[in-house]
Structure formats: C-alpha cells, structure tokens
C-alpha cells in the first residue's frame, strides 16, 4: 500500500508540474491578444450580432 501511495503521489506531482507549464504557456499566448477597453467591458452582449 505504501508503494502504491508513493506512486500516486509521484504521478500527482508530475501532473501538477505539467499543468503548471501548460498554464504558463497559455498565459503567454493569451497575453499576445489586444482588445479594446470598450469591447472588454462587463456585460458585453454579442447576441444578435451578425457572424
């Protein structure tokens, strides 16, 4: 049981590191986008807008 717990902890640590790296990558990618302040305001409604 102890070996199983150790293996699960190791897998969890690896998954956590991978998720952290992915979130950092996503943050870098999304930082490249520029949006206007008027477009980014709360409550913006795109319904009825032509595609």
C-alpha atoms as a PDB file:
ATOM      1  CA  UNK A   1       0.000   0.000   0.000  1.00  0.00           C
ATOM      2  CA  UNK A   2       2.856   2.389   0.795  1.00  0.00           C
ATOM      3  CA  UNK A   3       4.398   1.839  -2.651  1.00  0.00           C
ATOM      4  CA  UNK A   4       1.036   2.475  -4.251  1.00  0.00           C
ATOM      5  CA  UNK A   5       0.644   5.737  -2.328  1.00  0.00           C
ATOM      6  CA  UNK A   6       4.156   6.805  -3.301  1.00  0.00           C
ATOM      7  CA  UNK A   7       3.440   6.069  -6.953  1.00  0.00           C
ATOM      8  CA  UNK A   8       0.198   8.020  -6.824  1.00  0.00           C
ATOM      9  CA  UNK A   9       1.956  10.959  -5.185  1.00  0.00           C
ATOM     10  CA  UNK A  10       4.641  10.897  -7.869  1.00  0.00           C
ATOM     11  CA  UNK A  11       2.020  10.822 -10.624  1.00  0.00           C
ATOM     12  CA  UNK A  12       0.162  13.678  -8.977  1.00  0.00           C
ATOM     13  CA  UNK A  13       3.345  15.733  -8.758  1.00  0.00           C
ATOM     14  CA  UNK A  14       4.133  15.106 -12.422  1.00  0.00           C
ATOM     15  CA  UNK A  15       0.605  16.052 -13.458  1.00  0.00           C
ATOM     16  CA  UNK A  16       0.771  19.205 -11.346  1.00  0.00           C
ATOM     17  CA  UNK A  17       4.042  20.271 -12.965  1.00  0.00           C
ATOM     18  CA  UNK A  18       2.657  19.600 -16.439  1.00  0.00           C
ATOM     19  CA  UNK A  19      -0.471  21.621 -15.683  1.00  0.00           C
ATOM     20  CA  UNK A  20       1.621  24.485 -14.357  1.00  0.00           C
ATOM     21  CA  UNK A  21       3.723  24.509 -17.523  1.00  0.00           C
ATOM     22  CA  UNK A  22       0.629  24.430 -19.719  1.00  0.00           C
ATOM     23  CA  UNK A  23      -0.986  27.304 -17.826  1.00  0.00           C
ATOM     24  CA  UNK A  24       2.191  29.374 -18.156  1.00  0.00           C
ATOM     25  CA  UNK A  25       2.244  28.676 -21.890  1.00  0.00           C
ATOM     26  CA  UNK A  26      -1.431  29.612 -22.203  1.00  0.00           C
ATOM     27  CA  UNK A  27      -0.865  32.847 -20.286  1.00  0.00           C
ATOM     28  CA  UNK A  28       1.967  33.785 -22.652  1.00  0.00           C
ATOM     29  CA  UNK A  29      -0.155  33.037 -25.699  1.00  0.00           C
ATOM     30  CA  UNK A  30      -3.200  34.946 -24.496  1.00  0.00           C
ATOM     31  CA  UNK A  31      -1.055  37.929 -23.480  1.00  0.00           C
ATOM     32  CA  UNK A  32      -0.407  38.487 -27.189  1.00  0.00           C
ATOM     33  CA  UNK A  33      -4.038  39.411 -27.817  1.00  0.00           C
ATOM     34  CA  UNK A  34      -5.023  43.050 -27.585  1.00  0.00           C
ATOM     35  CA  UNK A  35      -8.640  44.020 -27.086  1.00  0.00           C
ATOM     36  CA  UNK A  36     -10.216  47.420 -26.735  1.00  0.00           C
ATOM     37  CA  UNK A  37     -11.432  48.549 -23.325  1.00  0.00           C
ATOM     38  CA  UNK A  38     -14.957  49.124 -24.670  1.00  0.00           C
ATOM     39  CA  UNK A  39     -15.117  45.598 -26.055  1.00  0.00           C
ATOM     40  CA  UNK A  40     -13.815  44.038 -22.850  1.00  0.00           C
ATOM     41  CA  UNK A  41     -16.290  45.677 -20.510  1.00  0.00           C
ATOM     42  CA  UNK A  42     -18.523  43.640 -18.226  1.00  0.00           C
ATOM     43  CA  UNK A  43     -21.908  42.627 -19.531  1.00  0.00           C
ATOM     44  CA  UNK A  44     -20.985  42.763 -23.176  1.00  0.00           C
ATOM     45  CA  UNK A  45     -23.705  41.136 -25.229  1.00  0.00           C
ATOM     46  CA  UNK A  46     -22.932  39.611 -28.619  1.00  0.00           C
ATOM     47  CA  UNK A  47     -26.440  38.266 -29.212  1.00  0.00           C
ATOM     48  CA  UNK A  48     -27.985  39.405 -32.433  1.00  0.00           C
ATOM     49  CA  UNK A  49     -24.620  40.236 -33.924  1.00  0.00           C
ATOM     50  CA  UNK A  50     -24.079  39.027 -37.488  1.00  0.00           C
ATOM     51  CA  UNK A  51     -21.385  36.419 -37.864  1.00  0.00           C
END
